[in-house]
């Protein structure tokens, strides 16, 4: 049984927290702007800090366009704070959009360059598979 609390619900993103599995789920839509990406990711961080939650499912399946403008902020500002808050695992659902895939690849390269420890990122084609993996680790 899932007990989902909706923490954020905007046109570009919906963020829920499942109190039973202790997993954050974010579903991104359309063409997110830098400010919107930052707003959504700050919500992730608040949930992580307030619920000692360390797992995130980020579904980019309906996202479009590139978000490379946000990648430096994510890698250099948000990620260190999230790791300090206990962030340990992210299951990402691949986007259909080629430009979103490009942005995701660039972000992944930044993570690899930073040699993040105690953190695992895995990609999936279906949200259900991503959720099962997060629940198993």
Protein backbone atom coordinates (compact mmCIF):
# COMPACT_ATOMS: atom_id res chain seq x y z
CA UNK A 1 0.00 0.00 0.00
CA UNK A 2 1.26 3.45 -0.87
CA UNK A 3 0.64 6.57 1.12
CA UNK A 4 1.58 9.37 -1.28
CA UNK A 5 1.67 12.96 -0.13
CA UNK A 6 1.69 15.57 -2.91
CA UNK A 7 4.34 18.16 -2.00
CA UNK A 8 4.47 20.07 -5.26
CA UNK A 9 2.06 20.19 -8.17
CA UNK A 10 2.79 22.62 -10.98
CA UNK A 11 2.33 22.47 -14.74
CA UNK A 12 5.99 21.47 -15.21
CA UNK A 13 6.43 19.02 -12.31
CA UNK A 14 4.60 16.96 -9.72
CA UNK A 15 6.49 15.77 -6.64
CA UNK A 16 5.11 13.21 -4.22
CA UNK A 17 6.53 11.48 -1.17
CA UNK A 18 5.52 7.93 -0.31
CA UNK A 19 5.65 7.56 3.46
CA UNK A 20 5.50 3.76 3.26
CA UNK A 21 8.47 3.25 0.93
CA UNK A 22 10.28 6.49 1.92
CA UNK A 23 10.72 7.40 -1.75
CA UNK A 24 10.30 10.76 -3.49
CA UNK A 25 8.78 10.64 -6.97
CA UNK A 26 9.07 13.54 -9.39
CA UNK A 27 7.37 13.62 -12.76
CA UNK A 28 8.61 16.34 -15.09
CA UNK A 29 6.59 17.70 -18.01
CA UNK A 30 7.26 19.93 -20.99
CA UNK A 31 10.12 22.40 -21.24
CA UNK A 32 11.39 23.20 -17.75
CA UNK A 33 13.07 26.55 -17.17
CA UNK A 34 16.09 26.88 -14.88
CA UNK A 35 14.03 28.55 -12.15
CA UNK A 36 11.44 25.77 -12.32
CA UNK A 37 14.09 23.05 -12.13
CA UNK A 38 15.58 24.77 -9.11
CA UNK A 39 12.16 25.11 -7.44
CA UNK A 40 11.41 21.43 -7.92
CA UNK A 41 14.80 20.24 -6.78
CA UNK A 42 14.65 22.40 -3.65
CA UNK A 43 11.40 20.58 -2.84
CA UNK A 44 13.30 17.28 -3.15
CA UNK A 45 15.86 18.59 -0.70
CA UNK A 46 13.22 19.73 1.80
CA UNK A 47 11.62 16.27 1.74
CA UNK A 48 15.01 14.58 2.15
CA UNK A 49 15.82 16.72 5.16
CA UNK A 50 12.39 16.54 6.80
CA UNK A 51 11.82 12.80 6.33
CA UNK A 52 15.36 11.37 6.29
CA UNK A 53 14.56 10.19 2.77
CA UNK A 54 17.50 9.19 0.58
CA UNK A 55 15.83 7.79 -2.58
CA UNK A 56 14.45 9.65 -5.57
CA UNK A 57 12.59 8.48 -8.64
CA UNK A 58 12.85 11.15 -11.34
CA UNK A 59 10.58 10.49 -14.30
CA UNK A 60 11.68 12.53 -17.32
CA UNK A 61 9.56 10.54 -19.75
CA UNK A 62 7.36 13.53 -20.60
CA UNK A 63 10.05 16.21 -20.30
CA UNK A 64 11.13 18.02 -23.45
CA UNK A 65 14.04 20.15 -24.51
CA UNK A 66 17.40 20.60 -22.95
CA UNK A 67 18.10 21.53 -19.36
CA UNK A 68 21.88 21.83 -19.72
CA UNK A 69 21.62 25.36 -18.30
CA UNK A 70 20.77 23.74 -14.95
CA UNK A 71 23.46 21.06 -14.95
CA UNK A 72 26.22 23.14 -13.35
CA UNK A 73 23.84 24.26 -10.59
CA UNK A 74 22.66 20.68 -10.04
CA UNK A 75 26.17 19.21 -9.92
CA UNK A 76 27.96 21.99 -8.01
CA UNK A 77 25.31 23.49 -5.75
CA UNK A 78 22.34 21.17 -5.27
CA UNK A 79 24.06 17.78 -5.31
CA UNK A 80 26.57 18.52 -2.50
CA UNK A 81 23.71 19.74 -0.29
CA UNK A 82 21.60 16.72 -1.15
CA UNK A 83 24.45 14.33 -0.36
CA UNK A 84 24.95 16.05 3.01
CA UNK A 85 21.20 15.52 3.61
CA UNK A 86 21.65 11.79 3.00
CA UNK A 87 20.77 11.45 -0.71
CA UNK A 88 21.99 8.02 -1.83
CA UNK A 89 20.02 6.69 -4.80
CA UNK A 90 18.28 7.99 -7.90
CA UNK A 91 16.27 5.98 -10.40
CA UNK A 92 15.78 8.01 -13.55
CA UNK A 93 13.22 7.23 -16.23
CA UNK A 94 14.62 7.97 -19.67
CA UNK A 95 13.00 10.75 -21.64
CA UNK A 96 11.67 10.25 -25.14
CA UNK A 97 12.92 13.66 -26.25
CA UNK A 98 16.39 13.62 -27.86
CA UNK A 99 17.37 17.01 -26.39
CA UNK A 100 16.40 15.94 -22.88
CA UNK A 101 18.49 12.78 -23.36
CA UNK A 102 21.44 14.98 -24.35
CA UNK A 103 21.06 17.12 -21.21
CA UNK A 104 20.83 13.99 -19.07
CA UNK A 105 24.00 12.58 -20.64
CA UNK A 106 25.85 15.82 -19.90
CA UNK A 107 24.67 15.78 -16.26
CA UNK A 108 25.78 12.18 -15.90
CA UNK A 109 29.25 13.15 -17.18
CA UNK A 110 29.45 15.83 -14.49
CA UNK A 111 28.54 13.25 -11.84
CA UNK A 112 31.20 10.87 -13.18
CA UNK A 113 33.81 13.64 -13.19
CA UNK A 114 32.97 14.46 -9.56
CA UNK A 115 33.51 10.78 -8.63
CA UNK A 116 30.55 10.76 -6.30
CA UNK A 117 30.78 8.14 -3.59
CA UNK A 118 27.93 6.64 -1.59
CA UNK A 119 25.56 7.52 -4.42
CA UNK A 120 24.07 5.36 -7.17
CA UNK A 121 22.23 6.47 -10.28
CA UNK A 122 20.43 3.99 -12.50
CA UNK A 123 18.37 4.53 -15.65
CA UNK A 124 15.11 2.84 -16.61
CA UNK A 125 12.61 2.88 -19.45
CA UNK A 126 9.57 2.39 -17.19
CA UNK A 127 8.63 4.07 -13.93
CA UNK A 128 7.43 0.75 -12.47
CA UNK A 129 10.89 -0.81 -12.94
CA UNK A 130 12.57 2.23 -11.41
CA UNK A 131 10.32 2.05 -8.36
CA UNK A 132 10.92 -1.68 -7.88
CA UNK A 133 14.68 -1.13 -7.99
CA UNK A 134 14.52 1.69 -5.41
CA UNK A 135 12.37 -0.42 -3.10
CA UNK A 136 14.86 -3.30 -3.34
CA UNK A 137 17.98 -1.34 -2.38
